[in-house]
Amino acid sequence: MRWAVVTSATRRLAEARLDAVGILPKTLIAADDITRGKPAPEPYLLAARELGVDPARCLVFEDAPAGLQAGRAAGMTTVALTTTHQAHELTADLVVKDLSALSVLVTDAGVEISVRG
């Protein structure tokens, strides 16, 4: 499975925060890498291009309205996490409390995500 981190933070700040929690993505798209940030689709489209994946096959996990708007504008499926905003503020294909609400199965055909319970 190919994945990326797309953030509105600078690369320096993003790398420091990701390193602190032990997440080291091969693909990191930061504010320094783009000319138009979220809610424009540019950051997500760049991530898809660097991963070599059709944007329509990408899944975006976001906690902010601008990020969700960017993911949708890029033609990606979006999952909203209500960790920083209330559900009614988030427009997405799926809205959940946090990642623990999801069950993920990686298969040869792709990734299957379902809501627990």
PDB file of N, CA and C in Angstrom:
ATOM      1  N   MET A   1       0.845  -1.164   0.000  1.00  0.00           N
ATOM      2  CA  MET A   1       0.000   0.000   0.000  1.00  0.00           C
ATOM      3  C   MET A   1       0.898   1.238   0.000  1.00  0.00           C
ATOM      4  N   ARG A   2       0.600   2.164  -0.888  1.00  0.00           N
ATOM      5  CA  ARG A   2       1.341   3.420  -0.960  1.00  0.00           C
ATOM      6  C   ARG A   2       0.565   4.498  -0.211  1.00  0.00           C
ATOM      7  N   TRP A   3       1.300   5.336   0.525  1.00  0.00           N
ATOM      8  CA  TRP A   3       0.632   6.393   1.281  1.00  0.00           C
ATOM      9  C   TRP A   3       1.545   7.600   1.405  1.00  0.00           C
ATOM     10  N   ALA A   4       0.923   8.723   1.703  1.00  0.00           N
ATOM     11  CA  ALA A   4       1.661   9.978   1.840  1.00  0.00           C
ATOM     12  C   ALA A   4       1.062  10.785   2.976  1.00  0.00           C
ATOM     13  N   VAL A   5       1.834  11.721   3.462  1.00  0.00           N
ATOM     14  CA  VAL A   5       1.327  12.725   4.395  1.00  0.00           C
ATOM     15  C   VAL A   5       1.276  14.035   3.623  1.00  0.00           C
ATOM     16  N   VAL A   6       0.110  14.681   3.656  1.00  0.00           N
ATOM     17  CA  VAL A   6      -0.087  15.980   3.016  1.00  0.00           C
ATOM     18  C   VAL A   6      -0.454  16.956   4.125  1.00  0.00           C
ATOM     19  N   THR A   7       0.361  17.992   4.306  1.00  0.00           N
ATOM     20  CA  THR A   7       0.152  18.915   5.413  1.00  0.00           C
ATOM     21  C   THR A   7       0.291  20.366   4.972  1.00  0.00           C
ATOM     22  N   SER A   8      -0.373  21.241   5.691  1.00  0.00           N
ATOM     23  CA  SER A   8      -0.242  22.682   5.454  1.00  0.00           C
ATOM     24  C   SER A   8       0.943  23.262   6.214  1.00  0.00           C
ATOM     25  N   ALA A   9       1.599  22.450   7.012  1.00  0.00           N
ATOM     26  CA  ALA A   9       2.778  22.890   7.768  1.00  0.00           C
ATOM     27  C   ALA A   9       3.988  22.977   6.840  1.00  0.00           C
ATOM     28  N   THR A  10       5.014  23.673   7.283  1.00  0.00           N
ATOM     29  CA  THR A  10       6.270  23.684   6.530  1.00  0.00           C
ATOM     30  C   THR A  10       6.911  22.301   6.630  1.00  0.00           C
ATOM     31  N   ARG A  11       7.777  21.995   5.687  1.00  0.00           N
ATOM     32  CA  ARG A  11       8.455  20.691   5.702  1.00  0.00           C
ATOM     33  C   ARG A  11       9.241  20.511   7.004  1.00  0.00           C
ATOM     34  N   ARG A  12       9.944  21.536   7.418  1.00  0.00           N
ATOM     35  CA  ARG A  12      10.759  21.437   8.637  1.00  0.00           C
ATOM     36  C   ARG A  12       9.898  21.095   9.853  1.00  0.00           C
ATOM     37  N   LEU A  13       8.786  21.795  10.015  1.00  0.00           N
ATOM     38  CA  LEU A  13       7.901  21.533  11.147  1.00  0.00           C
ATOM     39  C   LEU A  13       7.253  20.156  11.026  1.00  0.00           C
ATOM     40  N   ALA A  14       6.789  19.813   9.830  1.00  0.00           N
ATOM     41  CA  ALA A  14       6.146  18.512   9.623  1.00  0.00           C
ATOM     42  C   ALA A  14       7.107  17.370   9.927  1.00  0.00           C
ATOM     43  N   GLU A  15       8.330  17.458   9.427  1.00  0.00           N
ATOM     44  CA  GLU A  15       9.304  16.392   9.673  1.00  0.00           C
ATOM     45  C   GLU A  15       9.612  16.264  11.157  1.00  0.00           C
ATOM     46  N   ALA A  16       9.709  17.374  11.863  1.00  0.00           N
ATOM     47  CA  ALA A  16       9.981  17.324  13.306  1.00  0.00           C
ATOM     48  C   ALA A  16       8.833  16.655  14.049  1.00  0.00           C
ATOM     49  N   ARG A  17       7.607  17.021  13.711  1.00  0.00           N
ATOM     50  CA  ARG A  17       6.446  16.435  14.392  1.00  0.00           C
ATOM     51  C   ARG A  17       6.271  14.959  14.052  1.00  0.00           C
ATOM     52  N   LEU A  18       6.450  14.614  12.789  1.00  0.00           N
ATOM     53  CA  LEU A  18       6.312  13.213  12.388  1.00  0.00           C
ATOM     54  C   LEU A  18       7.411  12.359  13.010  1.00  0.00           C
ATOM     55  N   ASP A  19       8.626  12.879  13.045  1.00  0.00           N
ATOM     56  CA  ASP A  19       9.743  12.162  13.664  1.00  0.00           C
ATOM     57  C   ASP A  19       9.467  11.930  15.150  1.00  0.00           C
ATOM     58  N   ALA A  20       8.872  12.904  15.810  1.00  0.00           N
ATOM     59  CA  ALA A  20       8.587  12.791  17.245  1.00  0.00           C
ATOM     60  C   ALA A  20       7.613  11.660  17.558  1.00  0.00           C
ATOM     61  N   VAL A  21       6.739  11.334  16.605  1.00  0.00           N
ATOM     62  CA  VAL A  21       5.772  10.251  16.832  1.00  0.00           C
ATOM     63  C   VAL A  21       6.136   8.983  16.058  1.00  0.00           C
ATOM     64  N   GLY A  22       7.307   8.982  15.426  1.00  0.00           N
ATOM     65  CA  GLY A  22       7.789   7.780  14.761  1.00  0.00           C
ATOM     66  C   GLY A  22       7.151   7.485  13.420  1.00  0.00           C
ATOM     67  N   ILE A  23       6.634   8.500  12.756  1.00  0.00           N
ATOM     68  CA  ILE A  23       6.043   8.310  11.428  1.00  0.00           C
ATOM     69  C   ILE A  23       7.001   8.899  10.405  1.00  0.00           C
ATOM     70  N   LEU A  24       7.484   8.058   9.509  1.00  0.00           N
ATOM     71  CA  LEU A  24       8.443   8.498   8.506  1.00  0.00           C
ATOM     72  C   LEU A  24       7.924   8.157   7.112  1.00  0.00           C
ATOM     73  N   PRO A  25       7.105   9.021   6.539  1.00  0.00           N
ATOM     74  CA  PRO A  25       6.550   8.719   5.218  1.00  0.00           C
ATOM     75  C   PRO A  25       7.600   8.847   4.121  1.00  0.00           C
ATOM     76  N   LYS A  26       7.491   7.992   3.107  1.00  0.00           N
ATOM     77  CA  LYS A  26       8.367   8.131   1.944  1.00  0.00           C
ATOM     78  C   LYS A  26       7.967   9.368   1.147  1.00  0.00           C
ATOM     79  N   THR A  27       6.677   9.683   1.186  1.00  0.00           N
ATOM     80  CA  THR A  27       6.168  10.847   0.464  1.00  0.00           C
ATOM     81  C   THR A  27       5.547  11.818   1.450  1.00  0.00           C
ATOM     82  N   LEU A  28       6.104  13.019   1.490  1.00  0.00           N
ATOM     83  CA  LEU A  28       5.595  14.089   2.345  1.00  0.00           C
ATOM     84  C   LEU A  28       5.405  15.322   1.481  1.00  0.00           C
ATOM     85  N   ILE A  29       4.194  15.823   1.437  1.00  0.00           N
ATOM     86  CA  ILE A  29       3.899  17.061   0.726  1.00  0.00           C
ATOM     87  C   ILE A  29       3.621  18.117   1.785  1.00  0.00           C
ATOM     88  N   ALA A  30       4.440  19.163   1.795  1.00  0.00           N
ATOM     89  CA  ALA A  30       4.324  20.233   2.783  1.00  0.00           C
ATOM     90  C   ALA A  30       4.064  21.561   2.073  1.00  0.00           C
ATOM     91  N   ALA A  31       3.813  22.588   2.867  1.00  0.00           N
ATOM     92  CA  ALA A  31       3.508  23.908   2.315  1.00  0.00           C
ATOM     93  C   ALA A  31       4.601  24.403   1.370  1.00  0.00           C
ATOM     94  N   ASP A  32       5.843  24.034   1.643  1.00  0.00           N
ATOM     95  CA  ASP A  32       6.980  24.475   0.819  1.00  0.00           C
ATOM     96  C   ASP A  32       6.964  23.877  -0.589  1.00  0.00           C
ATOM     97  N   ASP A  33       6.211  22.795  -0.782  1.00  0.00           N
ATOM     98  CA  ASP A  33       6.240  22.045  -2.039  1.00  0.00           C
ATOM     99  C   ASP A  33       5.227  22.528  -3.070  1.00  0.00           C
ATOM    100  N   ILE A  34       4.349  23.427  -2.678  1.00  0.00           N
ATOM    101  CA  ILE A  34       3.234  23.808  -3.543  1.00  0.00           C
ATOM    102  C   ILE A  34       3.114  25.326  -3.642  1.00  0.00           C
ATOM    103  N   THR A  35       2.338  25.765  -4.630  1.00  0.00           N
ATOM    104  CA  THR A  35       2.076  27.201  -4.759  1.00  0.00           C
ATOM    105  C   THR A  35       0.691  27.562  -4.236  1.00  0.00           C
ATOM    106  N   ARG A  36      -0.242  26.615  -4.282  1.00  0.00           N
ATOM    107  CA  ARG A  36      -1.600  26.851  -3.778  1.00  0.00           C
ATOM    108  C   ARG A  36      -1.951  25.742  -2.793  1.00  0.00           C
ATOM    109  N   GLY A  37      -2.129  26.114  -1.548  1.00  0.00           N
ATOM    110  CA  GLY A  37      -2.437  25.142  -0.506  1.00  0.00           C
ATOM    111  C   GLY A  37      -3.917  24.819  -0.414  1.00  0.00           C
ATOM    112  N   LYS A  38      -4.241  23.973   0.528  1.00  0.00           N
ATOM    113  CA  LYS A  38      -5.627  23.614   0.785  1.00  0.00           C
ATOM    114  C   LYS A  38      -6.427  24.890   1.046  1.00  0.00           C
ATOM    115  N   PRO A  39      -7.601  25.049   0.476  1.00  0.00           N
ATOM    116  CA  PRO A  39      -8.502  24.059  -0.108  1.00  0.00           C
ATOM    117  C   PRO A  39      -8.281  23.754  -1.590  1.00  0.00           C
ATOM    118  N   ALA A  40      -7.251  24.313  -2.211  1.00  0.00           N
ATOM    119  CA  ALA A  40      -6.938  23.953  -3.596  1.00  0.00           C
ATOM    120  C   ALA A  40      -6.494  22.487  -3.636  1.00  0.00           C
ATOM    121  N   PRO A  41      -6.732  21.797  -4.737  1.00  0.00           N
ATOM    122  CA  PRO A  41      -6.379  20.373  -4.820  1.00  0.00           C
ATOM    123  C   PRO A  41      -4.893  20.101  -5.034  1.00  0.00           C
ATOM    124  N   GLU A  42      -4.106  21.128  -5.303  1.00  0.00           N
ATOM    125  CA  GLU A  42      -2.694  20.939  -5.660  1.00  0.00           C
ATOM    126  C   GLU A  42      -1.915  20.019  -4.726  1.00  0.00           C
ATOM    127  N   PRO A  43      -2.014  20.162  -3.395  1.00  0.00           N
ATOM    128  CA  PRO A  43      -1.204  19.279  -2.541  1.00  0.00           C
ATOM    129  C   PRO A  43      -1.550  17.802  -2.706  1.00  0.00           C
ATOM    130  N   TYR A  44      -2.835  17.499  -2.815  1.00  0.00           N
ATOM    131  CA  TYR A  44      -3.236  16.099  -2.959  1.00  0.00           C
ATOM    132  C   TYR A  44      -2.910  15.559  -4.347  1.00  0.00           C
ATOM    133  N   LEU A  45      -3.055  16.386  -5.366  1.00  0.00           N
ATOM    134  CA  LEU A  45      -2.703  15.940  -6.715  1.00  0.00           C
ATOM    135  C   LEU A  45      -1.204  15.676  -6.822  1.00  0.00           C
ATOM    136  N   LEU A  46      -0.390  16.499  -6.175  1.00  0.00           N
ATOM    137  CA  LEU A  46       1.058  16.273  -6.169  1.00  0.00           C
ATOM    138  C   LEU A  46       1.392  14.971  -5.450  1.00  0.00           C
ATOM    139  N   ALA A  47       0.732  14.703  -4.344  1.00  0.00           N
ATOM    140  CA  ALA A  47       0.969  13.449  -3.617  1.00  0.00           C
ATOM    141  C   ALA A  47       0.622  12.251  -4.491  1.00  0.00           C
ATOM    142  N   ALA A  48      -0.519  12.299  -5.161  1.00  0.00           N
ATOM    143  CA  ALA A  48      -0.920  11.193  -6.037  1.00  0.00           C
ATOM    144  C   ALA A  48       0.103  10.997  -7.149  1.00  0.00           C
ATOM    145  N   ARG A  49       0.555  12.097  -7.729  1.00  0.00           N
ATOM    146  CA  ARG A  49       1.552  12.008  -8.801  1.00  0.00           C
ATOM    147  C   ARG A  49       2.848  11.389  -8.286  1.00  0.00           C
ATOM    148  N   GLU A  50       3.315  11.828  -7.126  1.00  0.00           N
ATOM    149  CA  GLU A  50       4.560  11.273  -6.572  1.00  0.00           C
ATOM    150  C   GLU A  50       4.411   9.797  -6.199  1.00  0.00           C
ATOM    151  N   LEU A  51       3.207   9.397  -5.806  1.00  0.00           N
ATOM    152  CA  LEU A  51       2.957   7.993  -5.479  1.00  0.00           C
ATOM    153  C   LEU A  51       2.713   7.148  -6.726  1.00  0.00           C
ATOM    154  N   GLY A  52       2.437   7.795  -7.857  1.00  0.00           N
ATOM    155  CA  GLY A  52       2.120   7.074  -9.083  1.00  0.00           C
ATOM    156  C   GLY A  52       0.745   6.443  -9.039  1.00  0.00           C
ATOM    157  N   VAL A  53      -0.200   7.137  -8.406  1.00  0.00           N
ATOM    158  CA  VAL A  53      -1.548   6.603  -8.213  1.00  0.00           C
ATOM    159  C   VAL A  53      -2.570   7.560  -8.821  1.00  0.00           C
ATOM    160  N   ASP A  54      -3.572   7.010  -9.484  1.00  0.00           N
ATOM    161  CA  ASP A  54      -4.685   7.803  -9.997  1.00  0.00           C
ATOM    162  C   ASP A  54      -5.400   8.450  -8.810  1.00  0.00           C
ATOM    163  N   PRO A  55      -5.628   9.761  -8.836  1.00  0.00           N
ATOM    164  CA  PRO A  55      -6.314  10.412  -7.718  1.00  0.00           C
ATOM    165  C   PRO A  55      -7.656   9.762  -7.359  1.00  0.00           C
ATOM    166  N   ALA A  56      -8.345   9.221  -8.335  1.00  0.00           N
ATOM    167  CA  ALA A  56      -9.637   8.580  -8.077  1.00  0.00           C
ATOM    168  C   ALA A  56      -9.499   7.335  -7.208  1.00  0.00           C
ATOM    169  N   ARG A  57      -8.286   6.808  -7.084  1.00  0.00           N
ATOM    170  CA  ARG A  57      -8.046   5.624  -6.252  1.00  0.00           C
ATOM    171  C   ARG A  57      -7.443   5.984  -4.900  1.00  0.00           C
ATOM    172  N   CYS A  58      -7.398   7.281  -4.600  1.00  0.00           N
ATOM    173  CA  CYS A  58      -6.811   7.748  -3.339  1.00  0.00           C
ATOM    174  C   CYS A  58      -7.880   7.996  -2.287  1.00  0.00           C
ATOM    175  N   LEU A  59      -7.484   7.817  -1.047  1.00  0.00           N
ATOM    176  CA  LEU A  59      -8.351   8.036   0.105  1.00  0.00           C
ATOM    177  C   LEU A  59      -7.695   9.078   0.997  1.00  0.00           C
ATOM    178  N   VAL A  60      -8.438  10.126   1.313  1.00  0.00           N
ATOM    179  CA  VAL A  60      -7.940  11.227   2.132  1.00  0.00           C
ATOM    180  C   VAL A  60      -8.562  11.151   3.517  1.00  0.00           C
ATOM    181  N   PHE A  61      -7.732  11.189   4.550  1.00  0.00           N
ATOM    182  CA  PHE A  61      -8.196  11.303   5.935  1.00  0.00           C
ATOM    183  C   PHE A  61      -7.888  12.723   6.369  1.00  0.00           C
ATOM    184  N   GLU A  62      -8.903  13.453   6.805  1.00  0.00           N
ATOM    185  CA  GLU A  62      -8.734  14.869   7.152  1.00  0.00           C
ATOM    186  C   GLU A  62      -9.581  15.229   8.355  1.00  0.00           C
ATOM    187  N   ASP A  63      -9.127  16.260   9.071  1.00  0.00           N
ATOM    188  CA  ASP A  63      -9.910  16.760  10.204  1.00  0.00           C
ATOM    189  C   ASP A  63     -10.330  18.212  10.012  1.00  0.00           C
ATOM    190  N   ALA A  64     -10.051  18.781   8.844  1.00  0.00           N
ATOM    191  CA  ALA A  64     -10.346  20.190   8.608  1.00  0.00           C
ATOM    192  C   ALA A  64     -11.144  20.384   7.315  1.00  0.00           C
ATOM    193  N   PRO A  65     -12.075  21.330   7.327  1.00  0.00           N
ATOM    194  CA  PRO A  65     -12.881  21.587   6.126  1.00  0.00           C
ATOM    195  C   PRO A  65     -12.046  21.892   4.881  1.00  0.00           C
ATOM    196  N   ALA A  66     -10.996  22.692   5.007  1.00  0.00           N
ATOM    197  CA  ALA A  66     -10.177  23.039   3.840  1.00  0.00           C
ATOM    198  C   ALA A  66      -9.492  21.808   3.253  1.00  0.00           C
ATOM    199  N   GLY A  67      -9.025  20.906   4.094  1.00  0.00           N
ATOM    200  CA  GLY A  67      -8.391  19.686   3.615  1.00  0.00           C
ATOM    201  C   GLY A  67      -9.371  18.768   2.916  1.00  0.00           C
ATOM    202  N   LEU A  68     -10.578  18.674   3.462  1.00  0.00           N
ATOM    203  CA  LEU A  68     -11.610  17.853   2.828  1.00  0.00           C
ATOM    204  C   LEU A  68     -12.002  18.433   1.478  1.00  0.00           C
ATOM    205  N   GLN A  69     -12.115  19.742   1.412  1.00  0.00           N
ATOM    206  CA  GLN A  69     -12.440  20.401   0.150  1.00  0.00           C
ATOM    207  C   GLN A  69     -11.343  20.138  -0.877  1.00  0.00           C
ATOM    208  N   ALA A  70     -10.094  20.188  -0.454  1.00  0.00           N
ATOM    209  CA  ALA A  70      -8.966  19.918  -1.348  1.00  0.00           C
ATOM    210  C   ALA A  70      -9.003  18.482  -1.858  1.00  0.00           C
ATOM    211  N   GLY A  71      -9.265  17.540  -0.968  1.00  0.00           N
ATOM    212  CA  GLY A  71      -9.344  16.141  -1.370  1.00  0.00           C
ATOM    213  C   GLY A  71     -10.458  15.892  -2.374  1.00  0.00           C
ATOM    214  N   ARG A  72     -11.634  16.467  -2.109  1.00  0.00           N
ATOM    215  CA  ARG A  72     -12.758  16.310  -3.038  1.00  0.00           C
ATOM    216  C   ARG A  72     -12.437  16.953  -4.384  1.00  0.00           C
ATOM    217  N   ALA A  73     -11.829  18.150  -4.358  1.00  0.00           N
ATOM    218  CA  ALA A  73     -11.483  18.841  -5.601  1.00  0.00           C
ATOM    219  C   ALA A  73     -10.455  18.053  -6.413  1.00  0.00           C
ATOM    220  N   ALA A  74      -9.645  17.250  -5.738  1.00  0.00           N
ATOM    221  CA  ALA A  74      -8.656  16.404  -6.415  1.00  0.00           C
ATOM    222  C   ALA A  74      -9.285  15.122  -6.957  1.00  0.00           C
ATOM    223  N   GLY A  75     -10.572  14.908  -6.677  1.00  0.00           N
ATOM    224  CA  GLY A  75     -11.260  13.712  -7.153  1.00  0.00           C
ATOM    225  C   GLY A  75     -11.032  12.494  -6.285  1.00  0.00           C
ATOM    226  N   MET A  76     -10.676  12.708  -5.036  1.00  0.00           N
ATOM    227  CA  MET A  76     -10.376  11.617  -4.109  1.00  0.00           C
ATOM    228  C   MET A  76     -11.546  11.364  -3.166  1.00  0.00           C
ATOM    229  N   THR A  77     -11.607  10.166  -2.623  1.00  0.00           N
ATOM    230  CA  THR A  77     -12.593   9.824  -1.605  1.00  0.00           C
ATOM    231  C   THR A  77     -12.112  10.402  -0.283  1.00  0.00           C
ATOM    232  N   THR A  78     -13.034  10.975   0.493  1.00  0.00           N
ATOM    233  CA  THR A  78     -12.637  11.646   1.732  1.00  0.00           C
ATOM    234  C   THR A  78     -13.282  11.022   2.962  1.00  0.00           C
ATOM    235  N   VAL A  79     -12.494  10.949   4.024  1.00  0.00           N
ATOM    236  CA  VAL A  79     -12.964  10.509   5.337  1.00  0.00           C
ATOM    237  C   VAL A  79     -12.651  11.632   6.315  1.00  0.00           C
ATOM    238  N   ALA A  80     -13.694  12.136   6.970  1.00  0.00           N
ATOM    239  CA  ALA A  80     -13.521  13.218   7.938  1.00  0.00           C
ATOM    240  C   ALA A  80     -13.430  12.650   9.342  1.00  0.00           C
ATOM    241  N   LEU A  81     -12.507  13.205  10.116  1.00  0.00           N
ATOM    242  CA  LEU A  81     -12.343  12.840  11.521  1.00  0.00           C
ATOM    243  C   LEU A  81     -12.804  14.029  12.360  1.00  0.00           C
ATOM    244  N   THR A  82     -13.707  13.784  13.301  1.00  0.00           N
ATOM    245  CA  THR A  82     -14.244  14.881  14.113  1.00  0.00           C
ATOM    246  C   THR A  82     -13.361  15.150  15.329  1.00  0.00           C
ATOM    247  N   THR A  83     -12.066  15.222  15.094  1.00  0.00           N
ATOM    248  CA  THR A  83     -11.112  15.464  16.181  1.00  0.00           C
ATOM    249  C   THR A  83     -10.883  16.948  16.440  1.00  0.00           C
ATOM    250  N   THR A  84     -11.131  17.788  15.440  1.00  0.00           N
ATOM    251  CA  THR A  84     -10.928  19.231  15.613  1.00  0.00           C
ATOM    252  C   THR A  84     -12.147  20.060  15.227  1.00  0.00           C
ATOM    253  N   HIS A  85     -13.082  19.466  14.510  1.00  0.00           N
ATOM    254  CA  HIS A  85     -14.307  20.149  14.088  1.00  0.00           C
ATOM    255  C   HIS A  85     -15.492  19.222  14.337  1.00  0.00           C
ATOM    256  N   GLN A  86     -16.671  19.805  14.460  1.00  0.00           N
ATOM    257  CA  GLN A  86     -17.879  19.009  14.644  1.00  0.00           C
ATOM    258  C   GLN A  86     -18.318  18.431  13.303  1.00  0.00           C
ATOM    259  N   ALA A  87     -19.051  17.324  13.354  1.00  0.00           N
ATOM    260  CA  ALA A  87     -19.456  16.607  12.147  1.00  0.00           C
ATOM    261  C   ALA A  87     -20.188  17.507  11.159  1.00  0.00           C
ATOM    262  N   HIS A  88     -21.052  18.380  11.642  1.00  0.00           N
ATOM    263  CA  HIS A  88     -21.826  19.223  10.721  1.00  0.00           C
ATOM    264  C   HIS A  88     -20.951  20.234   9.968  1.00  0.00           C
ATOM    265  N   GLU A  89     -19.710  20.417  10.398  1.00  0.00           N
ATOM    266  CA  GLU A  89     -18.782  21.326   9.724  1.00  0.00           C
ATOM    267  C   GLU A  89     -17.958  20.621   8.644  1.00  0.00           C
ATOM    268  N   LEU A  90     -18.066  19.302   8.570  1.00  0.00           N
ATOM    269  CA  LEU A  90     -17.202  18.505   7.710  1.00  0.00           C
ATOM    270  C   LEU A  90     -18.005  17.818   6.613  1.00  0.00           C
ATOM    271  N   THR A  91     -17.693  18.136   5.369  1.00  0.00           N
ATOM    272  CA  THR A  91     -18.344  17.507   4.227  1.00  0.00           C
ATOM    273  C   THR A  91     -17.391  16.459   3.667  1.00  0.00           C
ATOM    274  N   ALA A  92     -17.808  15.190   3.770  1.00  0.00           N
ATOM    275  CA  ALA A  92     -16.934  14.096   3.336  1.00  0.00           C
ATOM    276  C   ALA A  92     -17.777  12.901   2.919  1.00  0.00           C
ATOM    277  N   ASP A  93     -17.129  11.933   2.289  1.00  0.00           N
ATOM    278  CA  ASP A  93     -17.817  10.697   1.922  1.00  0.00           C
ATOM    279  C   ASP A  93     -18.184   9.888   3.157  1.00  0.00           C
ATOM    280  N   LEU A  94     -17.376  10.027   4.208  1.00  0.00           N
ATOM    281  CA  LEU A  94     -17.616   9.335   5.470  1.00  0.00           C
ATOM    282  C   LEU A  94     -17.118  10.233   6.592  1.00  0.00           C
ATOM    283  N   VAL A  95     -17.892  10.341   7.672  1.00  0.00           N
ATOM    284  CA  VAL A  95     -17.493  11.126   8.840  1.00  0.00           C
ATOM    285  C   VAL A  95     -17.474  10.196  10.047  1.00  0.00           C
ATOM    286  N   VAL A  96     -16.340  10.146  10.759  1.00  0.00           N
ATOM    287  CA  VAL A  96     -16.198   9.309  11.949  1.00  0.00           C
ATOM    288  C   VAL A  96     -15.538  10.117  13.060  1.00  0.00           C
ATOM    289  N   LYS A  97     -15.662   9.607  14.287  1.00  0.00           N
ATOM    290  CA  LYS A  97     -15.083  10.299  15.442  1.00  0.00           C
ATOM    291  C   LYS A  97     -13.563  10.398  15.324  1.00  0.00           C
ATOM    292  N   ASP A  98     -12.921   9.272  15.068  1.00  0.00           N
ATOM    293  CA  ASP A  98     -11.467   9.227  14.917  1.00  0.00           C
ATOM    294  C   ASP A  98     -11.100   7.923  14.219  1.00  0.00           C
ATOM    295  N   LEU A  99      -9.829   7.684  14.031  1.00  0.00           N
ATOM    296  CA  LEU A  99      -9.397   6.496  13.285  1.00  0.00           C
ATOM    297  C   LEU A  99      -9.761   5.187  13.970  1.00  0.00           C
ATOM    298  N   SER A 100      -9.936   5.205  15.284  1.00  0.00           N
ATOM    299  CA  SER A 100     -10.292   3.968  15.989  1.00  0.00           C
ATOM    300  C   SER A 100     -11.680   3.474  15.604  1.00  0.00           C
ATOM    301  N   ALA A 101     -12.480   4.303  14.956  1.00  0.00           N
ATOM    302  CA  ALA A 101     -13.819   3.907  14.516  1.00  0.00           C
ATOM    303  C   ALA A 101     -13.776   3.064  13.246  1.00  0.00           C
ATOM    304  N   LEU A 102     -12.598   2.926  12.656  1.00  0.00           N
ATOM    305  CA  LEU A 102     -12.471   2.244  11.373  1.00  0.00           C
ATOM    306  C   LEU A 102     -11.736   0.922  11.490  1.00  0.00           C
ATOM    307  N   SER A 103     -12.114   0.012  10.616  1.00  0.00           N
ATOM    308  CA  SER A 103     -11.417  -1.255  10.460  1.00  0.00           C
ATOM    309  C   SER A 103     -10.844  -1.256   9.049  1.00  0.00           C
ATOM    310  N   VAL A 104      -9.575  -1.600   8.908  1.00  0.00           N
ATOM    311  CA  VAL A 104      -8.908  -1.549   7.611  1.00  0.00           C
ATOM    312  C   VAL A 104      -8.401  -2.936   7.243  1.00  0.00           C
ATOM    313  N   LEU A 105      -8.687  -3.342   6.014  1.00  0.00           N
ATOM    314  CA  LEU A 105      -8.210  -4.616   5.495  1.00  0.00           C
ATOM    315  C   LEU A 105      -7.486  -4.338   4.187  1.00  0.00           C
ATOM    316  N   VAL A 106      -6.207  -4.706   4.126  1.00  0.00           N
ATOM    317  CA  VAL A 106      -5.420  -4.532   2.908  1.00  0.00           C
ATOM    318  C   VAL A 106      -5.412  -5.861   2.170  1.00  0.00           C
ATOM    319  N   THR A 107      -5.856  -5.838   0.911  1.00  0.00           N
ATOM    320  CA  THR A 107      -5.902  -7.039   0.082  1.00  0.00           C
ATOM    321  C   THR A 107      -5.140  -6.776  -1.211  1.00  0.00           C
ATOM    322  N   ASP A 108      -4.997  -7.813  -2.031  1.00  0.00           N
ATOM    323  CA  ASP A 108      -4.349  -7.633  -3.331  1.00  0.00           C
ATOM    324  C   ASP A 108      -5.139  -6.674  -4.212  1.00  0.00           C
ATOM    325  N   ALA A 109      -6.456  -6.619  -4.003  1.00  0.00           N
ATOM    326  CA  ALA A 109      -7.321  -5.753  -4.808  1.00  0.00           C
ATOM    327  C   ALA A 109      -7.299  -4.305  -4.341  1.00  0.00           C
ATOM    328  N   GLY A 110      -6.807  -4.072  -3.143  1.00  0.00           N
ATOM    329  CA  GLY A 110      -6.778  -2.710  -2.620  1.00  0.00           C
ATOM    330  C   GLY A 110      -7.028  -2.685  -1.130  1.00  0.00           C
ATOM    331  N   VAL A 111      -7.576  -1.586  -0.674  1.00  0.00           N
ATOM    332  CA  VAL A 111      -7.835  -1.385   0.745  1.00  0.00           C
ATOM    333  C   VAL A 111      -9.340  -1.337   0.968  1.00  0.00           C
ATOM    334  N   GLU A 112      -9.807  -2.099   1.943  1.00  0.00           N
ATOM    335  CA  GLU A 112     -11.218  -2.077   2.326  1.00  0.00           C
ATOM    336  C   GLU A 112     -11.320  -1.442   3.700  1.00  0.00           C
ATOM    337  N   ILE A 113     -12.144  -0.418   3.807  1.00  0.00           N
ATOM    338  CA  ILE A 113     -12.333   0.271   5.078  1.00  0.00           C
ATOM    339  C   ILE A 113     -13.796   0.177   5.464  1.00  0.00           C
ATOM    340  N   SER A 114     -14.034  -0.189   6.713  1.00  0.00           N
ATOM    341  CA  SER A 114     -15.406  -0.253   7.212  1.00  0.00           C
ATOM    342  C   SER A 114     -15.456   0.378   8.595  1.00  0.00           C
ATOM    343  N   VAL A 115     -16.660   0.788   8.973  1.00  0.00           N
ATOM    344  CA  VAL A 115     -16.866   1.383  10.287  1.00  0.00           C
ATOM    345  C   VAL A 115     -17.095   0.253  11.277  1.00  0.00           C
ATOM    346  N   ARG A 116     -16.380   0.291  12.391  1.00  0.00           N
ATOM    347  CA  ARG A 116     -16.535  -0.746  13.425  1.00  0.00           C
ATOM    348  C   ARG A 116     -17.924  -0.656  14.046  1.00  0.00           C
ATOM    349  N   GLY A 117     -18.410  -1.831  14.493  1.00  0.00           N
ATOM    350  CA  GLY A 117     -19.675  -1.858  15.226  1.00  0.00           C
ATOM    351  C   GLY A 117     -20.786  -2.019  14.350  1.00  0.00           C
TER     352      GLY A 117
END
